[in-house]
Protein backbone atom coordinates (compact mmCIF):
# COMPACT_ATOMS: atom_id res chain seq x y z
CA UNK A 1 4.62 12.71 34.22
CA UNK A 2 2.56 15.85 34.56
CA UNK A 3 0.22 15.23 37.46
CA UNK A 4 -0.32 12.49 39.97
CA UNK A 5 -3.60 12.24 41.84
CA UNK A 6 -3.65 10.06 44.92
CA UNK A 7 -7.02 9.57 46.60
CA UNK A 8 -7.29 8.12 50.07
CA UNK A 9 -9.61 5.17 49.59
CA UNK A 10 -9.92 2.20 51.92
CA UNK A 11 -8.40 -0.91 50.42
CA UNK A 12 -11.01 -3.51 49.45
CA UNK A 13 -11.56 -6.34 51.89
CA UNK A 14 -12.32 -8.61 48.93
CA UNK A 15 -8.85 -9.50 47.64
CA UNK A 16 -10.01 -10.48 44.14
CA UNK A 17 -7.76 -9.22 41.31
CA UNK A 18 -10.69 -7.32 39.79
CA UNK A 19 -11.38 -5.42 43.05
CA UNK A 20 -7.69 -4.60 43.56
CA UNK A 21 -7.31 -3.31 39.98
CA UNK A 22 -10.44 -1.20 40.47
CA UNK A 23 -9.01 0.13 43.76
CA UNK A 24 -5.76 1.21 42.07
CA UNK A 25 -7.74 3.00 39.35
CA UNK A 26 -9.83 4.85 41.95
CA UNK A 27 -6.76 5.71 44.06
CA UNK A 28 -5.03 7.23 41.02
CA UNK A 29 -8.16 9.13 40.00
CA UNK A 30 -8.52 7.08 36.81
CA UNK A 31 -11.91 5.66 37.71
CA UNK A 32 -14.83 6.54 39.91
CA UNK A 33 -16.08 4.30 42.66
CA UNK A 34 -19.49 3.65 41.12
CA UNK A 35 -18.93 2.58 37.54
CA UNK A 36 -18.96 -1.22 37.28
CA UNK A 37 -17.62 -1.62 33.72
CA UNK A 38 -15.08 1.17 33.72
CA UNK A 39 -12.77 1.64 30.72
CA UNK A 40 -9.85 2.55 33.00
CA UNK A 41 -10.22 -0.73 34.87
CA UNK A 42 -10.33 -2.68 31.59
CA UNK A 43 -7.16 -0.96 30.40
CA UNK A 44 -5.16 -1.46 33.59
CA UNK A 45 -6.30 -5.08 33.81
CA UNK A 46 -5.07 -5.70 30.26
CA UNK A 47 -1.63 -4.25 31.05
CA UNK A 48 -1.03 -6.02 34.36
CA UNK A 49 -2.72 -9.38 33.77
CA UNK A 50 -1.48 -10.04 30.22
CA UNK A 51 2.23 -10.93 30.18
CA UNK A 52 2.46 -10.41 26.40
CA UNK A 53 1.21 -6.83 26.86
CA UNK A 54 3.94 -6.15 29.40
CA UNK A 55 6.65 -7.40 27.06
CA UNK A 56 5.59 -6.20 23.62
CA UNK A 57 3.28 -3.34 24.53
CA UNK A 58 -0.12 -2.53 23.10
CA UNK A 59 -1.38 -0.08 20.52
CA UNK A 60 -4.73 1.60 21.16
CA UNK A 61 -6.25 -0.85 18.65
CA UNK A 62 -4.74 -3.86 20.47
CA UNK A 63 -6.70 -3.09 23.63
CA UNK A 64 -9.82 -4.71 22.15
CA UNK A 65 -12.23 -2.92 24.44
CA UNK A 66 -15.96 -3.20 23.92
CA UNK A 67 -16.98 -2.46 20.30
CA UNK A 68 -19.00 0.47 21.64
CA UNK A 69 -15.78 2.19 22.80
CA UNK A 70 -14.35 4.43 20.07
CA UNK A 71 -10.57 4.44 19.53
CA UNK A 72 -10.48 8.12 20.56
CA UNK A 73 -11.94 7.19 23.96
CA UNK A 74 -9.32 4.48 24.45
CA UNK A 75 -6.57 6.99 23.58
CA UNK A 76 -8.06 9.53 26.01
CA UNK A 77 -7.90 6.97 28.82
CA UNK A 78 -4.39 5.83 27.84
CA UNK A 79 -3.24 9.47 28.04
CA UNK A 80 -4.70 9.70 31.55
CA UNK A 81 -2.69 6.62 32.51
CA UNK A 82 0.42 8.25 31.05
CA UNK A 83 -0.22 11.37 33.14
CA UNK A 84 -0.58 9.22 36.25
CA UNK A 85 2.77 7.57 35.54
CA UNK A 86 1.43 4.01 35.32
CA UNK A 87 1.68 3.71 31.53
CA UNK A 88 4.41 4.95 29.16
CA UNK A 89 4.28 5.36 25.40
CA UNK A 90 7.15 4.32 23.14
CA UNK A 91 6.46 4.94 19.48
CA UNK A 92 2.98 3.66 18.73
CA UNK A 93 2.91 1.22 21.65
CA UNK A 94 1.89 1.64 25.27
CA UNK A 95 3.57 -0.24 28.13
CA UNK A 96 3.11 -0.65 31.85
CA UNK A 97 5.76 1.64 33.34
CA UNK A 98 7.70 -1.31 34.77
CA UNK A 99 7.74 -5.10 34.52
CA UNK A 100 4.99 -5.43 37.11
CA UNK A 101 2.60 -3.30 39.16
CA UNK A 102 4.77 -3.32 42.30
CA UNK A 103 7.78 -1.97 40.42
CA UNK A 104 5.63 0.67 38.67
CA UNK A 105 4.32 1.92 42.04
CA UNK A 106 7.87 1.95 43.47
CA UNK A 107 9.07 4.06 40.54
CA UNK A 108 6.20 6.51 41.01
CA UNK A 109 7.02 6.70 44.74
CA UNK A 110 10.63 7.51 43.87
CA UNK A 111 9.52 10.30 41.50
CA UNK A 112 7.18 11.77 44.12
CA UNK A 113 9.90 11.68 46.78
CA UNK A 114 12.33 13.41 44.40
CA UNK A 115 9.81 16.18 43.67
CA UNK A 116 9.07 16.69 47.36
CA UNK A 117 12.79 16.94 48.12
CA UNK A 118 13.05 19.69 45.47
CA UNK A 119 10.09 21.52 47.01
CA UNK A 120 11.55 21.21 50.51
CA UNK A 121 14.94 22.53 49.36
CA UNK A 122 13.25 25.42 47.56
CA UNK A 123 11.11 26.23 50.61
CA UNK A 124 14.20 26.20 52.82
CA UNK A 125 16.03 28.53 50.44
CA UNK A 126 13.00 30.80 50.26
CA UNK A 127 12.79 31.00 54.06
CA UNK A 128 16.55 31.74 54.20
CA UNK A 129 16.11 34.60 51.70
CA UNK A 130 13.59 36.24 53.98
CA UNK A 131 15.30 35.28 57.24
CA UNK A 132 12.32 33.23 58.37
CA UNK A 133 13.41 30.98 61.24
CA UNK A 134 13.59 27.31 60.30
CA UNK A 135 11.08 25.26 62.27
CA UNK A 136 11.21 21.66 61.24
CA UNK A 137 8.24 19.42 61.88
CA UNK A 138 8.19 15.69 62.50
CA UNK A 139 6.84 15.15 59.01
CA UNK A 140 9.61 17.17 57.37
CA UNK A 141 12.36 15.27 59.16
CA UNK A 142 11.49 12.16 57.13
CA UNK A 143 12.56 13.99 53.94
CA UNK A 144 15.93 15.35 55.09
């Protein structure tokens, strides 16, 4: 995982699967709020709604997006999903990071927490090097 973007977007009041998938794409910066037929939404929907895709993975050709979508565009979007941590690539196939969306989000949360702990430890060591007094905030206490 190289970069994770998390946007603060209000959760949709309409609990339809399509709206929730769209919301996840917008939250992760993989889709904009306006585009109705977004490629990112189509891709994520395929991975989380199709049980065969979760088990055996998909190649970029297997996605079967609109005929107007070139394979290079599908690969571009798949790479964005890889960067976000939601999709992993093994050989020529792409897979949802975990067996379901909940588990994938939990794994991303774990990775983020681990990176923040490293940053906090480094910041503490840096402050110690320069004899800067340690002033812990309420937010920081949750990571100790």
